[in-house]
């Protein structure tokens, strides 16, 4: 999970994706990874977050992923919030 969190913080999204964080402007002298549309689809899949929560995996890394992917992304933030609340029931 930590590896996925580190990757998310250092990736460049495809041009057709609405993700607003541009790591090139934030990270200098760090190797960035370009994600294809399938990679992005997997990262934003609700099943990924549900499984991670259900299996009680590395919560700190999951928080990093959610924080990064949810930045200025209201739809994603709503979906993850709903998933978290549903999981607490």
N, C-alpha and C. Protein backbone atom coordinates (compact mmCIF):
# COMPACT_ATOMS: atom_id res chain seq x y z
N UNK A 1 0.83 -1.19 0.00
CA UNK A 1 0.00 0.00 0.00
C UNK A 1 0.87 1.26 0.00
N UNK A 2 1.97 1.20 0.73
CA UNK A 2 2.88 2.35 0.77
C UNK A 2 3.44 2.64 -0.62
N UNK A 3 3.71 1.59 -1.38
CA UNK A 3 4.22 1.75 -2.75
C UNK A 3 3.19 2.47 -3.62
N UNK A 4 1.94 2.09 -3.49
CA UNK A 4 0.88 2.74 -4.26
C UNK A 4 0.77 4.20 -3.87
N UNK A 5 0.85 4.50 -2.57
CA UNK A 5 0.78 5.88 -2.11
C UNK A 5 1.93 6.71 -2.68
N UNK A 6 3.13 6.16 -2.65
CA UNK A 6 4.28 6.87 -3.21
C UNK A 6 4.13 7.09 -4.71
N UNK A 7 3.59 6.11 -5.40
CA UNK A 7 3.37 6.24 -6.85
C UNK A 7 2.35 7.33 -7.15
N UNK A 8 1.26 7.34 -6.40
CA UNK A 8 0.21 8.34 -6.62
C UNK A 8 0.75 9.75 -6.46
N UNK A 9 1.65 9.93 -5.52
CA UNK A 9 2.22 11.26 -5.29
C UNK A 9 3.20 11.69 -6.38
N UNK A 10 3.64 10.74 -7.20
CA UNK A 10 4.66 11.04 -8.21
C UNK A 10 4.20 10.68 -9.61
N UNK A 11 2.93 10.84 -9.88
CA UNK A 11 2.46 10.44 -11.20
C UNK A 11 1.86 11.60 -11.97
N UNK A 12 1.95 11.47 -13.26
CA UNK A 12 1.36 12.43 -14.19
C UNK A 12 0.16 11.74 -14.81
N UNK A 13 -0.96 12.42 -14.81
CA UNK A 13 -2.19 11.82 -15.31
C UNK A 13 -2.37 12.09 -16.80
N UNK A 14 -3.12 11.23 -17.48
CA UNK A 14 -3.37 11.46 -18.91
C UNK A 14 -4.06 12.80 -19.14
N UNK A 15 -3.88 13.36 -20.32
CA UNK A 15 -4.44 14.67 -20.62
C UNK A 15 -5.96 14.70 -20.54
N UNK A 16 -6.61 13.56 -20.77
CA UNK A 16 -8.07 13.54 -20.75
C UNK A 16 -8.65 13.35 -19.35
N UNK A 17 -7.81 13.32 -18.34
CA UNK A 17 -8.28 13.13 -16.97
C UNK A 17 -8.41 14.48 -16.28
N UNK A 18 -9.43 14.63 -15.43
CA UNK A 18 -9.71 15.91 -14.80
C UNK A 18 -8.92 16.16 -13.52
N UNK A 19 -7.99 15.29 -13.17
CA UNK A 19 -7.22 15.47 -11.93
C UNK A 19 -6.44 16.78 -12.02
N UNK A 20 -6.51 17.60 -10.99
CA UNK A 20 -5.98 18.95 -11.08
C UNK A 20 -4.57 19.12 -10.55
N UNK A 21 -4.07 18.18 -9.79
CA UNK A 21 -2.73 18.34 -9.23
C UNK A 21 -1.69 18.03 -10.29
N UNK A 22 -0.77 18.95 -10.50
CA UNK A 22 0.30 18.76 -11.46
C UNK A 22 1.61 18.59 -10.69
N UNK A 23 2.06 17.34 -10.47
CA UNK A 23 3.25 17.13 -9.65
C UNK A 23 4.51 17.73 -10.24
N UNK A 24 4.51 17.97 -11.56
CA UNK A 24 5.70 18.57 -12.16
C UNK A 24 5.99 19.94 -11.57
N UNK A 25 4.95 20.66 -11.18
CA UNK A 25 5.16 21.98 -10.61
C UNK A 25 5.47 21.92 -9.12
N UNK A 26 5.20 20.77 -8.48
CA UNK A 26 5.42 20.63 -7.05
C UNK A 26 6.72 19.90 -6.71
N UNK A 27 7.08 18.95 -7.54
CA UNK A 27 8.25 18.11 -7.25
C UNK A 27 9.37 18.40 -8.25
N UNK A 28 10.46 18.86 -7.76
CA UNK A 28 11.61 19.13 -8.61
C UNK A 28 12.63 18.01 -8.41
N UNK A 29 13.28 17.61 -9.48
CA UNK A 29 14.32 16.58 -9.45
C UNK A 29 13.82 15.24 -8.90
N UNK A 30 12.57 14.92 -9.17
CA UNK A 30 11.99 13.64 -8.77
C UNK A 30 11.46 12.96 -10.02
N UNK A 31 11.74 11.67 -10.15
CA UNK A 31 11.24 10.94 -11.30
C UNK A 31 9.73 10.83 -11.21
N UNK A 32 9.04 11.24 -12.26
CA UNK A 32 7.59 11.15 -12.32
C UNK A 32 7.19 10.00 -13.22
N UNK A 33 6.05 9.39 -12.92
CA UNK A 33 5.55 8.27 -13.68
C UNK A 33 4.27 8.68 -14.39
N UNK A 34 4.15 8.29 -15.64
CA UNK A 34 2.96 8.61 -16.41
C UNK A 34 1.99 7.45 -16.33
N UNK A 35 0.78 7.75 -15.91
CA UNK A 35 -0.25 6.73 -15.81
C UNK A 35 -1.07 6.71 -17.09
N UNK A 36 -1.47 5.51 -17.52
CA UNK A 36 -2.39 5.44 -18.65
C UNK A 36 -3.81 5.43 -18.10
N UNK A 37 -4.79 5.45 -18.98
CA UNK A 37 -6.18 5.55 -18.55
C UNK A 37 -6.61 4.34 -17.71
N UNK A 38 -6.05 3.17 -17.98
CA UNK A 38 -6.39 1.99 -17.19
C UNK A 38 -5.84 2.11 -15.76
N UNK A 39 -4.64 2.64 -15.61
CA UNK A 39 -4.06 2.86 -14.28
C UNK A 39 -4.95 3.80 -13.46
N UNK A 40 -5.38 4.87 -14.10
CA UNK A 40 -6.23 5.85 -13.42
C UNK A 40 -7.56 5.21 -13.04
N UNK A 41 -8.11 4.42 -13.93
CA UNK A 41 -9.39 3.73 -13.66
C UNK A 41 -9.25 2.85 -12.42
N UNK A 42 -8.15 2.14 -12.31
CA UNK A 42 -7.92 1.26 -11.15
C UNK A 42 -7.75 2.07 -9.86
N UNK A 43 -7.02 3.17 -9.93
CA UNK A 43 -6.80 3.99 -8.74
C UNK A 43 -8.09 4.60 -8.21
N UNK A 44 -8.98 4.98 -9.11
CA UNK A 44 -10.21 5.62 -8.71
C UNK A 44 -11.37 4.63 -8.51
N UNK A 45 -11.10 3.34 -8.62
CA UNK A 45 -12.14 2.33 -8.46
C UNK A 45 -12.59 2.24 -7.01
N UNK A 46 -13.87 2.29 -6.81
CA UNK A 46 -14.44 2.22 -5.47
C UNK A 46 -14.07 0.90 -4.78
N UNK A 47 -13.97 -0.17 -5.55
CA UNK A 47 -13.63 -1.47 -5.00
C UNK A 47 -12.26 -1.48 -4.32
N UNK A 48 -11.33 -0.69 -4.88
CA UNK A 48 -9.99 -0.60 -4.30
C UNK A 48 -10.06 -0.07 -2.86
N UNK A 49 -10.83 0.98 -2.66
CA UNK A 49 -10.95 1.58 -1.33
C UNK A 49 -11.75 0.70 -0.38
N UNK A 50 -12.81 0.08 -0.88
CA UNK A 50 -13.60 -0.82 -0.05
C UNK A 50 -12.76 -2.00 0.44
N UNK A 51 -12.01 -2.60 -0.47
CA UNK A 51 -11.18 -3.76 -0.11
C UNK A 51 -10.08 -3.36 0.87
N UNK A 52 -9.48 -2.22 0.65
CA UNK A 52 -8.42 -1.74 1.54
C UNK A 52 -8.96 -1.52 2.95
N UNK A 53 -10.13 -0.92 3.04
CA UNK A 53 -10.74 -0.69 4.35
C UNK A 53 -11.17 -2.00 5.00
N UNK A 54 -11.77 -2.88 4.23
CA UNK A 54 -12.27 -4.15 4.74
C UNK A 54 -11.13 -5.00 5.29
N UNK A 55 -9.98 -4.98 4.60
CA UNK A 55 -8.83 -5.79 5.02
C UNK A 55 -7.93 -5.07 6.01
N UNK A 56 -8.33 -3.86 6.39
CA UNK A 56 -7.60 -3.07 7.38
C UNK A 56 -6.12 -2.93 7.02
N UNK A 57 -5.88 -2.57 5.78
CA UNK A 57 -4.50 -2.39 5.31
C UNK A 57 -3.95 -1.06 5.82
N UNK A 58 -2.80 -0.69 5.38
CA UNK A 58 -2.07 0.50 5.83
C UNK A 58 -2.94 1.76 5.71
N UNK A 59 -3.54 2.16 6.80
CA UNK A 59 -4.48 3.28 6.80
C UNK A 59 -3.77 4.60 6.50
N UNK A 60 -2.56 4.78 6.99
CA UNK A 60 -1.82 6.02 6.74
C UNK A 60 -1.58 6.21 5.24
N UNK A 61 -1.21 5.14 4.56
CA UNK A 61 -0.99 5.22 3.12
C UNK A 61 -2.31 5.48 2.39
N UNK A 62 -3.36 4.83 2.85
CA UNK A 62 -4.67 5.06 2.23
C UNK A 62 -5.08 6.52 2.38
N UNK A 63 -4.80 7.11 3.53
CA UNK A 63 -5.11 8.53 3.74
C UNK A 63 -4.34 9.42 2.78
N UNK A 64 -3.07 9.09 2.53
CA UNK A 64 -2.27 9.86 1.57
C UNK A 64 -2.89 9.78 0.18
N UNK A 65 -3.30 8.59 -0.21
CA UNK A 65 -3.90 8.40 -1.53
C UNK A 65 -5.19 9.21 -1.65
N UNK A 66 -6.05 9.10 -0.64
CA UNK A 66 -7.32 9.81 -0.67
C UNK A 66 -7.09 11.32 -0.68
N UNK A 67 -6.16 11.78 0.13
CA UNK A 67 -5.87 13.21 0.19
C UNK A 67 -5.39 13.72 -1.16
N UNK A 68 -4.53 12.99 -1.81
CA UNK A 68 -3.98 13.43 -3.09
C UNK A 68 -5.02 13.37 -4.21
N UNK A 69 -5.72 12.25 -4.29
CA UNK A 69 -6.69 12.09 -5.37
C UNK A 69 -7.93 12.95 -5.16
N UNK A 70 -8.24 13.26 -3.91
CA UNK A 70 -9.42 14.05 -3.61
C UNK A 70 -9.22 15.55 -3.68
N UNK A 71 -7.97 15.98 -3.84
CA UNK A 71 -7.69 17.42 -3.87
C UNK A 71 -8.42 18.08 -5.04
N UNK A 72 -9.31 19.01 -4.72
CA UNK A 72 -10.11 19.74 -5.71
C UNK A 72 -10.90 18.80 -6.64
N UNK A 73 -11.28 17.64 -6.14
CA UNK A 73 -12.06 16.69 -6.91
C UNK A 73 -13.29 16.33 -6.07
N UNK A 74 -14.34 17.14 -6.22
CA UNK A 74 -15.52 17.01 -5.37
C UNK A 74 -16.23 15.66 -5.54
N UNK A 75 -16.29 15.18 -6.77
CA UNK A 75 -16.97 13.91 -7.02
C UNK A 75 -16.25 12.76 -6.31
N UNK A 76 -14.95 12.70 -6.46
CA UNK A 76 -14.18 11.65 -5.80
C UNK A 76 -14.31 11.76 -4.29
N UNK A 77 -14.20 12.98 -3.77
CA UNK A 77 -14.31 13.18 -2.32
C UNK A 77 -15.66 12.70 -1.80
N UNK A 78 -16.73 12.99 -2.52
CA UNK A 78 -18.05 12.54 -2.10
C UNK A 78 -18.14 11.02 -2.09
N UNK A 79 -17.64 10.39 -3.14
CA UNK A 79 -17.71 8.93 -3.25
C UNK A 79 -16.91 8.27 -2.12
N UNK A 80 -15.72 8.76 -1.85
CA UNK A 80 -14.90 8.19 -0.79
C UNK A 80 -15.54 8.44 0.58
N UNK A 81 -16.09 9.62 0.78
CA UNK A 81 -16.78 9.91 2.06
C UNK A 81 -17.94 8.96 2.27
N UNK A 82 -18.71 8.73 1.23
CA UNK A 82 -19.84 7.81 1.30
C UNK A 82 -19.35 6.40 1.64
N UNK A 83 -18.28 5.98 1.00
CA UNK A 83 -17.72 4.65 1.25
C UNK A 83 -17.23 4.52 2.69
N UNK A 84 -16.56 5.54 3.19
CA UNK A 84 -16.08 5.51 4.58
C UNK A 84 -17.24 5.44 5.56
N UNK A 85 -18.25 6.25 5.34
CA UNK A 85 -19.41 6.24 6.24
C UNK A 85 -20.15 4.92 6.19
N UNK A 86 -20.27 4.37 5.01
CA UNK A 86 -20.94 3.07 4.86
C UNK A 86 -20.15 1.98 5.58
N UNK A 87 -18.83 2.07 5.52
CA UNK A 87 -17.98 1.09 6.18
C UNK A 87 -18.02 1.17 7.69
N UNK A 88 -18.38 2.33 8.23
CA UNK A 88 -18.43 2.50 9.68
C UNK A 88 -19.73 1.95 10.26
N UNK A 89 -20.71 1.67 9.43
CA UNK A 89 -22.00 1.15 9.94
C UNK A 89 -21.90 -0.26 10.41
